N, C-alpha and C. Protein backbone atom coordinates (compact mmCIF):
# COMPACT_ATOMS: atom_id res chain seq x y z
N MET A 1 -58.97 -122.45 -4.37
CA MET A 1 -58.78 -121.82 -5.66
C MET A 1 -59.83 -120.74 -5.86
N ILE A 2 -59.39 -119.61 -6.28
CA ILE A 2 -60.31 -118.50 -6.56
C ILE A 2 -60.79 -118.66 -8.00
N GLU A 3 -62.10 -118.76 -8.17
CA GLU A 3 -62.65 -118.92 -9.51
C GLU A 3 -63.29 -117.65 -10.04
N ALA A 4 -63.61 -116.72 -9.13
CA ALA A 4 -64.27 -115.48 -9.56
C ALA A 4 -63.90 -114.36 -8.60
N ALA A 5 -63.92 -113.14 -9.12
CA ALA A 5 -63.65 -111.96 -8.31
C ALA A 5 -64.73 -110.93 -8.61
N MET A 6 -65.41 -110.50 -7.56
CA MET A 6 -66.44 -109.47 -7.72
C MET A 6 -65.80 -108.11 -7.50
N ILE A 7 -66.08 -107.22 -8.42
CA ILE A 7 -65.54 -105.87 -8.34
C ILE A 7 -66.58 -104.99 -7.67
N TRP A 8 -66.32 -104.70 -6.44
CA TRP A 8 -67.13 -103.85 -5.57
C TRP A 8 -68.37 -104.59 -5.09
N ASN A 9 -69.07 -103.95 -4.19
CA ASN A 9 -70.30 -104.48 -3.63
C ASN A 9 -71.33 -103.37 -3.61
N GLU A 10 -72.40 -103.56 -4.33
CA GLU A 10 -73.52 -102.62 -4.36
C GLU A 10 -73.08 -101.17 -4.62
N PRO A 11 -72.41 -100.95 -5.74
CA PRO A 11 -71.91 -99.60 -6.01
C PRO A 11 -73.00 -98.55 -6.16
N ASN A 12 -74.20 -98.96 -6.51
CA ASN A 12 -75.29 -98.00 -6.66
C ASN A 12 -76.12 -97.88 -5.39
N ASN A 13 -75.57 -98.33 -4.28
CA ASN A 13 -76.24 -98.24 -2.98
C ASN A 13 -75.46 -97.25 -2.13
N LYS A 14 -76.14 -96.29 -1.54
CA LYS A 14 -75.47 -95.24 -0.78
C LYS A 14 -74.69 -95.77 0.42
N SER A 15 -74.97 -96.99 0.84
CA SER A 15 -74.20 -97.57 1.94
C SER A 15 -72.80 -97.98 1.49
N HIS A 16 -72.58 -98.10 0.18
CA HIS A 16 -71.31 -98.63 -0.30
C HIS A 16 -70.58 -97.75 -1.31
N TRP A 17 -71.21 -96.68 -1.75
CA TRP A 17 -70.57 -95.73 -2.66
C TRP A 17 -71.22 -94.38 -2.43
N ASP A 18 -70.43 -93.35 -2.39
CA ASP A 18 -70.95 -92.02 -2.09
C ASP A 18 -71.23 -91.25 -3.38
N PRO A 19 -72.50 -91.12 -3.76
CA PRO A 19 -72.82 -90.42 -5.01
C PRO A 19 -72.53 -88.92 -4.95
N GLU A 20 -72.32 -88.38 -3.76
CA GLU A 20 -71.94 -86.96 -3.68
C GLU A 20 -70.50 -86.76 -4.15
N LEU A 21 -69.65 -87.76 -3.94
CA LEU A 21 -68.26 -87.67 -4.39
C LEU A 21 -68.11 -88.06 -5.86
N ASP A 22 -69.05 -88.82 -6.36
CA ASP A 22 -68.97 -89.33 -7.74
C ASP A 22 -70.39 -89.39 -8.32
N PRO A 23 -71.01 -88.23 -8.56
CA PRO A 23 -72.43 -88.22 -8.92
C PRO A 23 -72.77 -88.91 -10.24
N ASP A 24 -71.81 -89.00 -11.15
CA ASP A 24 -72.11 -89.67 -12.43
C ASP A 24 -71.48 -91.06 -12.52
N TRP A 25 -70.91 -91.54 -11.44
CA TRP A 25 -70.29 -92.86 -11.33
C TRP A 25 -69.12 -93.05 -12.30
N SER A 26 -68.56 -91.96 -12.81
CA SER A 26 -67.42 -92.09 -13.73
C SER A 26 -66.17 -92.58 -13.00
N ARG A 27 -65.96 -92.11 -11.78
CA ARG A 27 -64.80 -92.57 -11.00
C ARG A 27 -64.95 -94.06 -10.68
N PHE A 28 -66.17 -94.45 -10.34
CA PHE A 28 -66.39 -95.88 -10.07
C PHE A 28 -66.11 -96.69 -11.33
N ALA A 29 -66.62 -96.24 -12.46
CA ALA A 29 -66.44 -96.98 -13.72
C ALA A 29 -64.95 -97.13 -14.04
N ASN A 30 -64.20 -96.06 -13.88
CA ASN A 30 -62.76 -96.13 -14.15
C ASN A 30 -62.08 -97.11 -13.21
N MET A 31 -62.44 -97.07 -11.93
CA MET A 31 -61.87 -98.00 -10.96
C MET A 31 -62.23 -99.44 -11.30
N ALA A 32 -63.47 -99.68 -11.72
CA ALA A 32 -63.90 -101.04 -12.07
C ALA A 32 -63.13 -101.57 -13.28
N ILE A 33 -62.90 -100.72 -14.26
CA ILE A 33 -62.12 -101.12 -15.44
C ILE A 33 -60.69 -101.46 -15.04
N LEU A 34 -60.09 -100.60 -14.22
CA LEU A 34 -58.72 -100.85 -13.77
C LEU A 34 -58.63 -102.15 -12.97
N ALA A 35 -59.62 -102.39 -12.11
CA ALA A 35 -59.64 -103.62 -11.31
C ALA A 35 -59.79 -104.85 -12.20
N ALA A 36 -60.71 -104.79 -13.14
CA ALA A 36 -60.93 -105.93 -14.04
C ALA A 36 -59.67 -106.24 -14.85
N ASP A 37 -59.03 -105.19 -15.34
CA ASP A 37 -57.82 -105.39 -16.12
C ASP A 37 -56.68 -105.95 -15.26
N ALA A 38 -56.59 -105.50 -14.02
CA ALA A 38 -55.55 -106.01 -13.12
C ALA A 38 -55.79 -107.49 -12.81
N ILE A 39 -57.04 -107.86 -12.59
CA ILE A 39 -57.37 -109.27 -12.34
C ILE A 39 -57.00 -110.11 -13.55
N ALA A 40 -57.38 -109.63 -14.73
CA ALA A 40 -57.10 -110.38 -15.97
C ALA A 40 -55.59 -110.53 -16.20
N SER A 41 -54.83 -109.51 -15.86
CA SER A 41 -53.38 -109.61 -16.08
C SER A 41 -52.74 -110.58 -15.10
N GLU A 42 -53.31 -110.70 -13.92
CA GLU A 42 -52.78 -111.63 -12.91
C GLU A 42 -53.19 -113.06 -13.18
N ASN A 43 -54.47 -113.25 -13.56
CA ASN A 43 -54.97 -114.60 -13.81
C ASN A 43 -56.16 -114.52 -14.76
N PRO A 44 -55.95 -114.70 -16.05
CA PRO A 44 -57.03 -114.58 -17.03
C PRO A 44 -58.16 -115.58 -16.84
N ALA A 45 -57.93 -116.65 -16.09
CA ALA A 45 -58.96 -117.67 -15.88
C ALA A 45 -59.99 -117.27 -14.83
N VAL A 46 -59.69 -116.25 -14.04
CA VAL A 46 -60.63 -115.81 -13.01
C VAL A 46 -61.77 -115.03 -13.65
N THR A 47 -63.00 -115.44 -13.35
CA THR A 47 -64.18 -114.74 -13.84
C THR A 47 -64.31 -113.41 -13.11
N LYS A 48 -64.48 -112.34 -13.86
CA LYS A 48 -64.62 -111.00 -13.29
C LYS A 48 -66.10 -110.60 -13.33
N ILE A 49 -66.64 -110.26 -12.16
CA ILE A 49 -68.06 -109.91 -12.06
C ILE A 49 -68.18 -108.46 -11.62
N LEU A 50 -68.97 -107.68 -12.34
CA LEU A 50 -69.27 -106.34 -11.88
C LEU A 50 -70.12 -106.48 -10.62
N GLY A 51 -69.67 -105.83 -9.57
CA GLY A 51 -70.26 -105.99 -8.24
C GLY A 51 -71.77 -106.01 -8.22
N GLY A 52 -72.32 -106.81 -7.38
CA GLY A 52 -73.76 -106.98 -7.28
C GLY A 52 -74.46 -105.66 -7.02
N ILE A 53 -75.25 -105.24 -7.96
CA ILE A 53 -75.94 -103.96 -7.80
C ILE A 53 -77.19 -104.14 -6.94
N SER A 54 -77.43 -103.15 -6.13
CA SER A 54 -78.62 -103.12 -5.28
C SER A 54 -78.95 -101.67 -5.00
N PRO A 55 -80.06 -101.20 -5.50
CA PRO A 55 -81.15 -101.93 -6.13
C PRO A 55 -80.78 -102.42 -7.54
N ILE A 56 -81.59 -103.37 -8.01
CA ILE A 56 -81.41 -103.86 -9.38
C ILE A 56 -81.94 -102.77 -10.31
N ASP A 57 -81.02 -102.16 -11.05
CA ASP A 57 -81.34 -100.94 -11.78
C ASP A 57 -80.75 -101.01 -13.19
N ALA A 58 -81.61 -101.19 -14.17
CA ALA A 58 -81.16 -101.29 -15.56
C ALA A 58 -80.49 -100.00 -16.03
N ASP A 59 -80.94 -98.85 -15.52
CA ASP A 59 -80.31 -97.59 -15.91
C ASP A 59 -78.86 -97.53 -15.44
N PHE A 60 -78.61 -97.99 -14.23
CA PHE A 60 -77.23 -98.03 -13.73
C PHE A 60 -76.39 -98.97 -14.60
N MET A 61 -76.95 -100.12 -14.94
CA MET A 61 -76.20 -101.07 -15.78
C MET A 61 -75.93 -100.46 -17.15
N ALA A 62 -76.90 -99.74 -17.70
CA ALA A 62 -76.69 -99.07 -18.99
C ALA A 62 -75.59 -98.01 -18.89
N LEU A 63 -75.55 -97.32 -17.78
CA LEU A 63 -74.49 -96.33 -17.55
C LEU A 63 -73.12 -97.01 -17.54
N MET A 64 -73.03 -98.14 -16.85
CA MET A 64 -71.77 -98.88 -16.81
C MET A 64 -71.39 -99.38 -18.21
N LYS A 65 -72.38 -99.79 -18.97
CA LYS A 65 -72.12 -100.22 -20.35
C LYS A 65 -71.60 -99.04 -21.16
N GLY A 66 -72.21 -97.88 -20.98
CA GLY A 66 -71.78 -96.69 -21.69
C GLY A 66 -70.35 -96.27 -21.36
N TYR A 67 -69.94 -96.49 -20.13
CA TYR A 67 -68.56 -96.20 -19.72
C TYR A 67 -67.57 -97.27 -20.18
N GLY A 68 -68.08 -98.37 -20.73
CA GLY A 68 -67.21 -99.43 -21.21
C GLY A 68 -66.86 -100.48 -20.17
N VAL A 69 -67.44 -100.40 -18.99
CA VAL A 69 -67.12 -101.36 -17.93
C VAL A 69 -67.46 -102.78 -18.35
N LEU A 70 -68.60 -102.96 -19.01
CA LEU A 70 -69.05 -104.31 -19.34
C LEU A 70 -68.14 -104.99 -20.36
N ASP A 71 -67.31 -104.21 -21.05
CA ASP A 71 -66.34 -104.80 -21.97
C ASP A 71 -65.15 -105.43 -21.24
N HIS A 72 -65.06 -105.20 -19.94
CA HIS A 72 -63.92 -105.67 -19.15
C HIS A 72 -64.29 -106.74 -18.13
N VAL A 73 -65.56 -107.10 -18.05
CA VAL A 73 -66.00 -108.12 -17.09
C VAL A 73 -66.64 -109.29 -17.83
N ASP A 74 -66.80 -110.39 -17.10
CA ASP A 74 -67.35 -111.61 -17.69
C ASP A 74 -68.79 -111.87 -17.28
N ALA A 75 -69.26 -111.19 -16.25
CA ALA A 75 -70.62 -111.37 -15.75
C ALA A 75 -71.00 -110.13 -14.95
N VAL A 76 -72.29 -109.98 -14.70
CA VAL A 76 -72.76 -108.89 -13.84
C VAL A 76 -73.54 -109.50 -12.69
N GLY A 77 -73.42 -108.87 -11.53
CA GLY A 77 -74.09 -109.38 -10.35
C GLY A 77 -75.22 -108.47 -9.91
N VAL A 78 -76.26 -109.09 -9.38
CA VAL A 78 -77.38 -108.34 -8.80
C VAL A 78 -77.66 -108.91 -7.41
N HIS A 79 -78.19 -108.06 -6.55
CA HIS A 79 -78.58 -108.47 -5.20
C HIS A 79 -80.06 -108.17 -5.02
N GLY A 80 -80.76 -109.09 -4.38
CA GLY A 80 -82.18 -108.87 -4.14
C GLY A 80 -82.64 -109.51 -2.85
N PHE A 81 -83.41 -108.74 -2.11
CA PHE A 81 -83.99 -109.18 -0.85
C PHE A 81 -85.43 -108.68 -0.77
N PRO A 82 -86.29 -109.14 -1.70
CA PRO A 82 -87.63 -108.56 -1.80
C PRO A 82 -88.52 -108.77 -0.57
N LEU A 83 -88.25 -109.76 0.24
CA LEU A 83 -89.08 -109.96 1.43
C LEU A 83 -88.58 -109.15 2.62
N ASP A 84 -87.42 -108.53 2.49
CA ASP A 84 -86.86 -107.79 3.61
C ASP A 84 -86.65 -106.31 3.32
N TRP A 85 -86.02 -105.96 2.19
CA TRP A 85 -85.64 -104.57 1.98
C TRP A 85 -86.10 -103.98 0.66
N ASN A 86 -86.16 -104.74 -0.40
CA ASN A 86 -86.45 -104.16 -1.71
C ASN A 86 -87.89 -103.70 -1.82
N LEU A 87 -88.10 -102.75 -2.70
CA LEU A 87 -89.44 -102.20 -2.91
C LEU A 87 -90.11 -102.87 -4.10
N TRP A 88 -89.96 -104.18 -4.19
CA TRP A 88 -90.64 -104.98 -5.21
C TRP A 88 -90.94 -106.34 -4.59
N GLN A 89 -91.83 -107.06 -5.24
CA GLN A 89 -92.29 -108.33 -4.68
C GLN A 89 -91.46 -109.50 -5.20
N ILE A 90 -91.45 -110.57 -4.43
CA ILE A 90 -90.59 -111.72 -4.74
C ILE A 90 -90.87 -112.29 -6.13
N GLN A 91 -92.13 -112.29 -6.57
CA GLN A 91 -92.45 -112.87 -7.88
C GLN A 91 -91.90 -112.04 -9.04
N GLU A 92 -91.33 -110.88 -8.75
CA GLU A 92 -90.74 -110.04 -9.79
C GLU A 92 -89.30 -110.41 -10.13
N TRP A 93 -88.74 -111.43 -9.48
CA TRP A 93 -87.36 -111.82 -9.76
C TRP A 93 -87.09 -112.03 -11.25
N PRO A 94 -87.87 -112.83 -11.97
CA PRO A 94 -87.57 -113.02 -13.40
C PRO A 94 -87.58 -111.70 -14.18
N GLN A 95 -88.49 -110.81 -13.84
CA GLN A 95 -88.56 -109.51 -14.50
C GLN A 95 -87.29 -108.70 -14.22
N LYS A 96 -86.83 -108.72 -12.98
CA LYS A 96 -85.63 -107.96 -12.61
C LYS A 96 -84.40 -108.47 -13.36
N ILE A 97 -84.26 -109.78 -13.45
CA ILE A 97 -83.15 -110.35 -14.21
C ILE A 97 -83.29 -110.01 -15.69
N GLY A 98 -84.52 -110.06 -16.19
CA GLY A 98 -84.79 -109.71 -17.59
C GLY A 98 -84.43 -108.27 -17.91
N GLU A 99 -84.67 -107.36 -16.98
CA GLU A 99 -84.32 -105.95 -17.20
C GLU A 99 -82.82 -105.79 -17.42
N ILE A 100 -82.03 -106.51 -16.65
CA ILE A 100 -80.58 -106.44 -16.80
C ILE A 100 -80.15 -107.13 -18.09
N SER A 101 -80.80 -108.22 -18.42
CA SER A 101 -80.46 -108.98 -19.64
C SER A 101 -80.77 -108.19 -20.91
N THR A 102 -81.64 -107.19 -20.83
CA THR A 102 -81.89 -106.35 -22.01
C THR A 102 -80.73 -105.39 -22.25
N ILE A 103 -79.93 -105.14 -21.22
CA ILE A 103 -78.80 -104.21 -21.34
C ILE A 103 -77.54 -104.93 -21.81
N THR A 104 -77.36 -106.17 -21.37
CA THR A 104 -76.12 -106.89 -21.65
C THR A 104 -76.39 -108.36 -21.93
N GLU A 105 -75.55 -108.94 -22.75
CA GLU A 105 -75.61 -110.38 -22.99
C GLU A 105 -74.74 -111.15 -22.01
N LEU A 106 -74.06 -110.44 -21.12
CA LEU A 106 -73.24 -111.11 -20.11
C LEU A 106 -74.14 -111.92 -19.18
N PRO A 107 -73.62 -113.01 -18.62
CA PRO A 107 -74.40 -113.77 -17.64
C PRO A 107 -74.76 -112.89 -16.44
N VAL A 108 -75.97 -113.07 -15.94
CA VAL A 108 -76.42 -112.36 -14.74
C VAL A 108 -76.32 -113.32 -13.57
N TRP A 109 -75.50 -112.96 -12.61
CA TRP A 109 -75.37 -113.74 -11.38
C TRP A 109 -76.19 -113.05 -10.29
N VAL A 110 -76.99 -113.81 -9.60
CA VAL A 110 -77.63 -113.30 -8.38
C VAL A 110 -76.62 -113.60 -7.28
N SER A 111 -75.78 -112.62 -7.00
CA SER A 111 -74.66 -112.84 -6.09
C SER A 111 -75.04 -112.63 -4.63
N GLU A 112 -76.23 -112.15 -4.38
CA GLU A 112 -76.81 -112.14 -3.04
C GLU A 112 -78.32 -112.23 -3.18
N VAL A 113 -78.88 -113.25 -2.56
CA VAL A 113 -80.32 -113.35 -2.38
C VAL A 113 -80.52 -113.97 -1.00
N GLY A 114 -81.48 -113.48 -0.29
CA GLY A 114 -81.72 -114.03 1.03
C GLY A 114 -83.06 -113.59 1.58
N VAL A 115 -83.43 -114.25 2.64
CA VAL A 115 -84.67 -113.93 3.36
C VAL A 115 -84.34 -114.06 4.84
N SER A 116 -84.70 -113.06 5.61
CA SER A 116 -84.40 -113.13 7.03
C SER A 116 -85.44 -113.97 7.77
N SER A 117 -85.03 -114.43 8.93
CA SER A 117 -85.96 -115.11 9.83
C SER A 117 -86.38 -114.16 10.95
N PHE A 118 -86.20 -112.86 10.71
CA PHE A 118 -86.51 -111.85 11.72
C PHE A 118 -87.95 -111.97 12.21
N GLY A 119 -88.88 -112.11 11.29
CA GLY A 119 -90.29 -112.22 11.66
C GLY A 119 -90.69 -113.63 12.05
N ALA A 120 -90.20 -114.61 11.30
CA ALA A 120 -90.52 -116.01 11.57
C ALA A 120 -89.63 -116.90 10.71
N GLU A 121 -89.17 -117.98 11.27
CA GLU A 121 -88.34 -118.91 10.51
C GLU A 121 -89.12 -119.55 9.37
N GLU A 122 -90.42 -119.68 9.51
CA GLU A 122 -91.25 -120.25 8.45
C GLU A 122 -91.27 -119.33 7.22
N VAL A 123 -91.18 -118.03 7.46
CA VAL A 123 -91.13 -117.08 6.35
C VAL A 123 -89.82 -117.28 5.57
N GLN A 124 -88.73 -117.48 6.28
CA GLN A 124 -87.45 -117.72 5.61
C GLN A 124 -87.50 -119.00 4.78
N LEU A 125 -88.08 -120.05 5.34
CA LEU A 125 -88.20 -121.32 4.61
C LEU A 125 -89.01 -121.13 3.33
N TRP A 126 -90.16 -120.48 3.43
CA TRP A 126 -90.98 -120.22 2.25
C TRP A 126 -90.22 -119.35 1.24
N GLY A 127 -89.54 -118.31 1.75
CA GLY A 127 -88.80 -117.41 0.87
C GLY A 127 -87.67 -118.10 0.13
N LEU A 128 -86.99 -119.03 0.80
CA LEU A 128 -85.93 -119.78 0.14
C LEU A 128 -86.51 -120.64 -0.98
N ARG A 129 -87.59 -121.35 -0.68
CA ARG A 129 -88.23 -122.19 -1.71
C ARG A 129 -88.67 -121.35 -2.91
N ARG A 130 -89.34 -120.27 -2.63
CA ARG A 130 -89.88 -119.43 -3.71
C ARG A 130 -88.75 -118.78 -4.51
N SER A 131 -87.71 -118.33 -3.82
CA SER A 131 -86.56 -117.75 -4.53
C SER A 131 -85.94 -118.77 -5.47
N ALA A 132 -85.77 -120.01 -5.00
CA ALA A 132 -85.19 -121.06 -5.84
C ALA A 132 -86.07 -121.31 -7.06
N GLU A 133 -87.38 -121.38 -6.86
CA GLU A 133 -88.29 -121.60 -7.99
C GLU A 133 -88.14 -120.51 -9.05
N LEU A 134 -87.99 -119.28 -8.60
CA LEU A 134 -87.95 -118.14 -9.51
C LEU A 134 -86.58 -117.91 -10.15
N LEU A 135 -85.52 -118.31 -9.45
CA LEU A 135 -84.18 -117.97 -9.91
C LEU A 135 -83.46 -119.08 -10.67
N LEU A 136 -83.62 -120.31 -10.22
CA LEU A 136 -82.90 -121.40 -10.87
C LEU A 136 -83.41 -121.53 -12.31
N GLY A 137 -82.51 -121.43 -13.25
CA GLY A 137 -82.88 -121.44 -14.66
C GLY A 137 -83.00 -120.05 -15.25
N ASN A 138 -83.16 -119.03 -14.41
CA ASN A 138 -83.24 -117.65 -14.89
C ASN A 138 -81.94 -116.88 -14.68
N ALA A 139 -81.16 -117.28 -13.71
CA ALA A 139 -79.88 -116.64 -13.42
C ALA A 139 -78.76 -117.64 -13.67
N SER A 140 -77.63 -117.15 -14.14
CA SER A 140 -76.50 -118.04 -14.43
C SER A 140 -75.93 -118.65 -13.16
N ARG A 141 -76.02 -117.92 -12.07
CA ARG A 141 -75.51 -118.39 -10.79
C ARG A 141 -76.32 -117.72 -9.69
N VAL A 142 -76.57 -118.47 -8.62
CA VAL A 142 -77.33 -117.94 -7.48
C VAL A 142 -76.55 -118.25 -6.21
N GLN A 143 -76.32 -117.21 -5.41
CA GLN A 143 -75.59 -117.37 -4.16
C GLN A 143 -76.45 -116.88 -3.00
N TRP A 144 -76.67 -117.76 -2.05
CA TRP A 144 -77.52 -117.45 -0.90
C TRP A 144 -76.74 -116.63 0.12
N TYR A 145 -77.43 -115.65 0.68
CA TYR A 145 -76.89 -114.79 1.72
C TYR A 145 -77.72 -115.02 2.97
N SER A 146 -77.26 -115.70 3.91
CA SER A 146 -75.91 -116.03 4.35
C SER A 146 -75.97 -117.38 5.05
N LEU A 147 -74.82 -117.99 5.31
CA LEU A 147 -74.81 -119.26 6.02
C LEU A 147 -75.15 -119.06 7.50
N TYR A 148 -74.51 -118.11 8.15
CA TYR A 148 -74.73 -117.85 9.58
C TYR A 148 -75.44 -116.52 9.80
N ASP A 149 -76.24 -116.46 10.85
CA ASP A 149 -76.73 -115.18 11.34
C ASP A 149 -75.52 -114.36 11.80
N LEU A 150 -75.58 -113.05 11.63
CA LEU A 150 -74.51 -112.19 12.12
C LEU A 150 -74.55 -112.15 13.65
N PRO A 151 -73.40 -112.14 14.29
CA PRO A 151 -73.40 -111.93 15.74
C PRO A 151 -74.02 -110.58 16.08
N ARG A 152 -74.82 -110.55 17.10
CA ARG A 152 -75.54 -109.32 17.44
C ARG A 152 -74.60 -108.18 17.84
N GLU A 153 -73.40 -108.53 18.34
CA GLU A 153 -72.48 -107.47 18.75
C GLU A 153 -71.81 -106.79 17.55
N TRP A 154 -71.92 -107.37 16.37
CA TRP A 154 -71.37 -106.73 15.17
C TRP A 154 -72.37 -105.69 14.68
N GLY A 155 -71.87 -104.66 14.10
CA GLY A 155 -72.75 -103.71 13.43
C GLY A 155 -72.90 -104.09 11.97
N ALA A 156 -74.08 -103.94 11.44
CA ALA A 156 -74.29 -104.18 10.01
C ALA A 156 -73.81 -102.96 9.23
N THR A 157 -73.30 -103.20 8.03
CA THR A 157 -72.78 -102.11 7.20
C THR A 157 -73.95 -101.36 6.58
N THR A 158 -74.13 -100.15 7.03
CA THR A 158 -75.18 -99.30 6.49
C THR A 158 -74.87 -97.87 6.86
N ARG A 159 -75.22 -96.95 6.02
CA ARG A 159 -75.02 -95.54 6.34
C ARG A 159 -76.27 -94.93 6.95
N HIS A 160 -77.36 -95.66 6.95
CA HIS A 160 -78.60 -95.07 7.44
C HIS A 160 -79.29 -95.97 8.45
N ARG A 161 -78.56 -96.41 9.46
CA ARG A 161 -79.13 -97.28 10.49
C ARG A 161 -80.37 -96.66 11.12
N GLU A 162 -80.27 -95.40 11.47
CA GLU A 162 -81.39 -94.74 12.14
C GLU A 162 -82.62 -94.68 11.24
N ALA A 163 -82.40 -94.44 9.96
CA ALA A 163 -83.52 -94.34 9.03
C ALA A 163 -84.15 -95.69 8.75
N GLU A 164 -83.39 -96.78 8.91
CA GLU A 164 -83.90 -98.11 8.59
C GLU A 164 -84.88 -98.63 9.63
N GLY A 165 -84.84 -98.11 10.84
CA GLY A 165 -85.75 -98.61 11.87
C GLY A 165 -85.57 -100.09 12.10
N SER A 166 -86.69 -100.80 12.24
CA SER A 166 -86.60 -102.24 12.55
C SER A 166 -86.02 -103.05 11.40
N SER A 167 -86.06 -102.54 10.18
CA SER A 167 -85.49 -103.32 9.08
C SER A 167 -83.98 -103.47 9.22
N TYR A 168 -83.33 -102.59 9.98
CA TYR A 168 -81.90 -102.73 10.23
C TYR A 168 -81.60 -104.07 10.88
N TYR A 169 -82.44 -104.50 11.79
CA TYR A 169 -82.18 -105.71 12.57
C TYR A 169 -82.35 -106.98 11.74
N ARG A 170 -82.94 -106.88 10.58
CA ARG A 170 -83.05 -108.04 9.70
C ARG A 170 -81.66 -108.53 9.26
N HIS A 171 -80.68 -107.62 9.20
CA HIS A 171 -79.31 -107.99 8.84
C HIS A 171 -78.81 -109.16 9.68
N PHE A 172 -79.24 -109.24 10.91
CA PHE A 172 -78.70 -110.22 11.86
C PHE A 172 -79.38 -111.58 11.78
N TYR A 173 -80.41 -111.72 10.95
CA TYR A 173 -81.21 -112.95 10.89
C TYR A 173 -81.25 -113.56 9.49
N MET A 174 -80.24 -113.32 8.68
CA MET A 174 -80.24 -113.80 7.30
C MET A 174 -79.68 -115.21 7.15
N GLY A 175 -79.05 -115.75 8.16
CA GLY A 175 -78.38 -117.03 8.05
C GLY A 175 -79.31 -118.23 8.01
N LEU A 176 -78.79 -119.32 7.44
CA LEU A 176 -79.48 -120.61 7.49
C LEU A 176 -79.15 -121.34 8.79
N LEU A 177 -78.11 -120.85 9.46
CA LEU A 177 -77.74 -121.32 10.80
C LEU A 177 -77.84 -120.14 11.75
N ARG A 178 -78.32 -120.40 12.95
CA ARG A 178 -78.36 -119.36 13.96
C ARG A 178 -76.94 -118.99 14.37
N GLU A 179 -76.81 -117.90 15.07
CA GLU A 179 -75.50 -117.45 15.52
C GLU A 179 -74.75 -118.54 16.29
N ASP A 180 -75.47 -119.37 17.03
CA ASP A 180 -74.83 -120.44 17.82
C ASP A 180 -74.54 -121.70 16.99
N GLY A 181 -74.85 -121.67 15.69
CA GLY A 181 -74.56 -122.79 14.80
C GLY A 181 -75.68 -123.79 14.65
N THR A 182 -76.78 -123.63 15.38
CA THR A 182 -77.89 -124.57 15.23
C THR A 182 -78.66 -124.25 13.95
N PRO A 183 -79.14 -125.30 13.27
CA PRO A 183 -79.80 -125.08 11.98
C PRO A 183 -81.21 -124.52 12.12
N LYS A 184 -81.56 -123.72 11.14
CA LYS A 184 -82.94 -123.24 11.00
C LYS A 184 -83.65 -124.18 10.02
N PRO A 185 -84.98 -124.15 9.97
CA PRO A 185 -85.71 -125.03 9.04
C PRO A 185 -85.29 -124.87 7.57
N ALA A 186 -84.89 -123.67 7.17
CA ALA A 186 -84.52 -123.44 5.76
C ALA A 186 -83.24 -124.17 5.36
N LEU A 187 -82.39 -124.53 6.32
CA LEU A 187 -81.13 -125.20 5.97
C LEU A 187 -81.38 -126.52 5.25
N GLU A 188 -82.29 -127.33 5.76
CA GLU A 188 -82.55 -128.63 5.13
C GLU A 188 -83.05 -128.45 3.70
N GLU A 189 -83.89 -127.46 3.48
CA GLU A 189 -84.38 -127.17 2.13
C GLU A 189 -83.23 -126.75 1.22
N PHE A 190 -82.33 -125.96 1.75
CA PHE A 190 -81.18 -125.47 0.98
C PHE A 190 -80.29 -126.62 0.54
N LEU A 191 -80.07 -127.56 1.45
CA LEU A 191 -79.18 -128.68 1.14
C LEU A 191 -79.81 -129.58 0.10
């Protein structure tokens, strides 16, 4: 059973939306409204979430509110990976959620949070524990990214692989299970 539908993924991230084609995000906003309304007409019980924004940006959320998008969704999603990609520290999670909560009274879902084991599996274990401490009770819903490491032969979705350098390879180490299915130390903590 589908209980929720996320409208887009990281629309304010250049890897997932081209700001040159839609510099003021008006086309995105219109598409999001149409999608939310289509979901509601098909099944009003499905929770509609404005796609997880990354970076977490209150100005972007205010823009979406100004376009009326937030009147058509039931929750807003944010994505954060402060130990791997974001330019803020892990202890800033409550502040980041608070910034979005000042824009909207809608529930804030952390629809992607994760820590890679690229540097060390112990770092992932610590990051999972710390993320849980900071997020549980502050976000309406928290979804861990990801269960499995990505297979190395897959390419990660990014428009700037060359610019990312070694941080690109962190995409492949986000799972609680290794690519071969064996558990990492963080899995037991997660369960």
